[in-house]
N, C-alpha and C. Protein backbone atom coordinates (compact mmCIF):
# COMPACT_ATOMS: atom_id res chain seq x y z
N MET A 1 23.44 4.18 22.09
CA MET A 1 23.58 2.79 21.73
C MET A 1 25.07 2.49 21.57
N THR A 2 25.48 1.38 22.09
CA THR A 2 26.89 1.04 22.01
C THR A 2 27.26 0.64 20.59
N GLU A 3 28.53 0.70 20.30
CA GLU A 3 29.01 0.33 18.96
C GLU A 3 28.71 -1.14 18.67
N GLU A 4 28.83 -1.97 19.70
CA GLU A 4 28.53 -3.40 19.53
C GLU A 4 27.05 -3.60 19.17
N ALA A 5 26.17 -2.89 19.84
CA ALA A 5 24.74 -2.99 19.56
C ALA A 5 24.43 -2.51 18.15
N LYS A 6 25.08 -1.45 17.72
CA LYS A 6 24.89 -0.94 16.36
C LYS A 6 25.31 -1.98 15.32
N GLN A 7 26.43 -2.64 15.58
CA GLN A 7 26.94 -3.65 14.65
C GLN A 7 25.98 -4.83 14.57
N ILE A 8 25.47 -5.27 15.70
CA ILE A 8 24.52 -6.38 15.72
C ILE A 8 23.25 -6.00 14.96
N ARG A 9 22.78 -4.77 15.16
CA ARG A 9 21.58 -4.30 14.45
C ARG A 9 21.84 -4.26 12.94
N ARG A 10 22.99 -3.76 12.53
CA ARG A 10 23.33 -3.72 11.09
C ARG A 10 23.33 -5.11 10.48
N GLU A 11 23.93 -6.06 11.18
CA GLU A 11 23.99 -7.43 10.68
C GLU A 11 22.60 -8.03 10.56
N TYR A 12 21.77 -7.81 11.57
CA TYR A 12 20.40 -8.33 11.53
C TYR A 12 19.63 -7.73 10.36
N GLN A 13 19.71 -6.42 10.20
CA GLN A 13 18.98 -5.76 9.13
C GLN A 13 19.47 -6.21 7.76
N LYS A 14 20.76 -6.39 7.60
CA LYS A 14 21.31 -6.87 6.33
C LYS A 14 20.76 -8.25 6.00
N GLN A 15 20.77 -9.12 6.98
CA GLN A 15 20.25 -10.47 6.79
C GLN A 15 18.76 -10.44 6.47
N TRP A 16 17.99 -9.62 7.19
CA TRP A 16 16.55 -9.53 6.96
C TRP A 16 16.28 -9.03 5.54
N ARG A 17 17.03 -8.00 5.11
CA ARG A 17 16.83 -7.46 3.75
C ARG A 17 17.13 -8.50 2.69
N GLN A 18 18.15 -9.32 2.90
CA GLN A 18 18.47 -10.36 1.93
C GLN A 18 17.36 -11.41 1.85
N GLN A 19 16.72 -11.68 2.97
CA GLN A 19 15.68 -12.70 3.00
C GLN A 19 14.32 -12.17 2.59
N ASN A 20 14.15 -10.86 2.53
CA ASN A 20 12.84 -10.26 2.26
C ASN A 20 12.89 -9.25 1.13
N ARG A 21 13.60 -9.59 0.07
CA ARG A 21 13.74 -8.66 -1.05
C ARG A 21 12.40 -8.30 -1.66
N ASP A 22 11.46 -9.23 -1.69
CA ASP A 22 10.15 -8.95 -2.26
C ASP A 22 9.41 -7.89 -1.44
N LYS A 23 9.52 -7.95 -0.12
CA LYS A 23 8.87 -6.95 0.74
C LYS A 23 9.49 -5.57 0.52
N ILE A 24 10.80 -5.53 0.38
CA ILE A 24 11.49 -4.26 0.15
C ILE A 24 11.07 -3.68 -1.19
N ARG A 25 11.02 -4.51 -2.21
CA ARG A 25 10.63 -4.06 -3.55
C ARG A 25 9.22 -3.49 -3.54
N LYS A 26 8.29 -4.17 -2.87
CA LYS A 26 6.90 -3.69 -2.80
C LYS A 26 6.81 -2.38 -2.01
N ALA A 27 7.56 -2.29 -0.92
CA ALA A 27 7.55 -1.07 -0.11
C ALA A 27 8.09 0.11 -0.89
N GLU A 28 9.16 -0.11 -1.65
CA GLU A 28 9.73 0.96 -2.47
C GLU A 28 8.75 1.38 -3.56
N GLU A 29 8.07 0.41 -4.14
CA GLU A 29 7.08 0.72 -5.18
C GLU A 29 5.95 1.58 -4.59
N ARG A 30 5.43 1.19 -3.43
CA ARG A 30 4.38 1.98 -2.78
C ARG A 30 4.87 3.39 -2.47
N HIS A 31 6.10 3.49 -1.98
CA HIS A 31 6.69 4.78 -1.63
C HIS A 31 6.72 5.71 -2.84
N TRP A 32 7.23 5.20 -3.97
CA TRP A 32 7.38 6.06 -5.15
C TRP A 32 6.04 6.35 -5.82
N GLU A 33 5.09 5.42 -5.74
CA GLU A 33 3.74 5.70 -6.25
C GLU A 33 3.11 6.84 -5.44
N LYS A 34 3.31 6.80 -4.14
CA LYS A 34 2.79 7.84 -3.25
C LYS A 34 3.45 9.19 -3.56
N LYS A 35 4.77 9.18 -3.75
CA LYS A 35 5.49 10.41 -4.08
C LYS A 35 5.00 10.98 -5.41
N ALA A 36 4.77 10.12 -6.41
CA ALA A 36 4.31 10.57 -7.72
C ALA A 36 2.91 11.18 -7.61
N ALA A 37 2.04 10.54 -6.84
CA ALA A 37 0.69 11.07 -6.66
C ALA A 37 0.73 12.42 -5.96
N GLN A 38 1.60 12.55 -4.96
CA GLN A 38 1.72 13.82 -4.25
C GLN A 38 2.26 14.91 -5.16
N ALA A 39 3.25 14.58 -5.98
CA ALA A 39 3.83 15.56 -6.90
C ALA A 39 2.78 16.01 -7.90
N LYS A 40 1.99 15.08 -8.39
CA LYS A 40 0.93 15.42 -9.34
C LYS A 40 -0.09 16.34 -8.69
N LYS A 41 -0.43 16.05 -7.44
CA LYS A 41 -1.38 16.87 -6.69
C LYS A 41 -0.81 18.28 -6.47
N ASP A 42 0.46 18.36 -6.11
CA ASP A 42 1.11 19.64 -5.85
C ASP A 42 1.15 20.50 -7.13
N VAL A 43 1.43 19.89 -8.26
CA VAL A 43 1.47 20.62 -9.52
C VAL A 43 0.08 21.14 -9.85
N GLY A 44 -0.94 20.33 -9.63
CA GLY A 44 -2.32 20.75 -9.87
C GLY A 44 -2.74 21.91 -9.00
N GLN A 45 -2.32 21.93 -7.77
CA GLN A 45 -2.67 23.02 -6.87
C GLN A 45 -1.92 24.30 -7.24
N ARG A 46 -0.70 24.15 -7.70
CA ARG A 46 0.10 25.30 -8.06
C ARG A 46 -0.47 25.98 -9.31
N ASP A 47 -1.01 25.19 -10.24
CA ASP A 47 -1.55 25.73 -11.46
C ASP A 47 -2.87 26.44 -11.27
N SER A 48 -3.56 26.19 -10.18
CA SER A 48 -4.88 26.78 -9.96
C SER A 48 -4.81 28.25 -9.64
């Protein structure tokens, strides 16, 4: 990918993130809930 294309992509993504903060917040929340559930599951399996 050319440097110009990378710059255009960065600008687009920055603008999208500014306009969709609620979507980002919800996605991060789902991500960390999933990670917590997996960690809890892993600890349970290790203790068995």
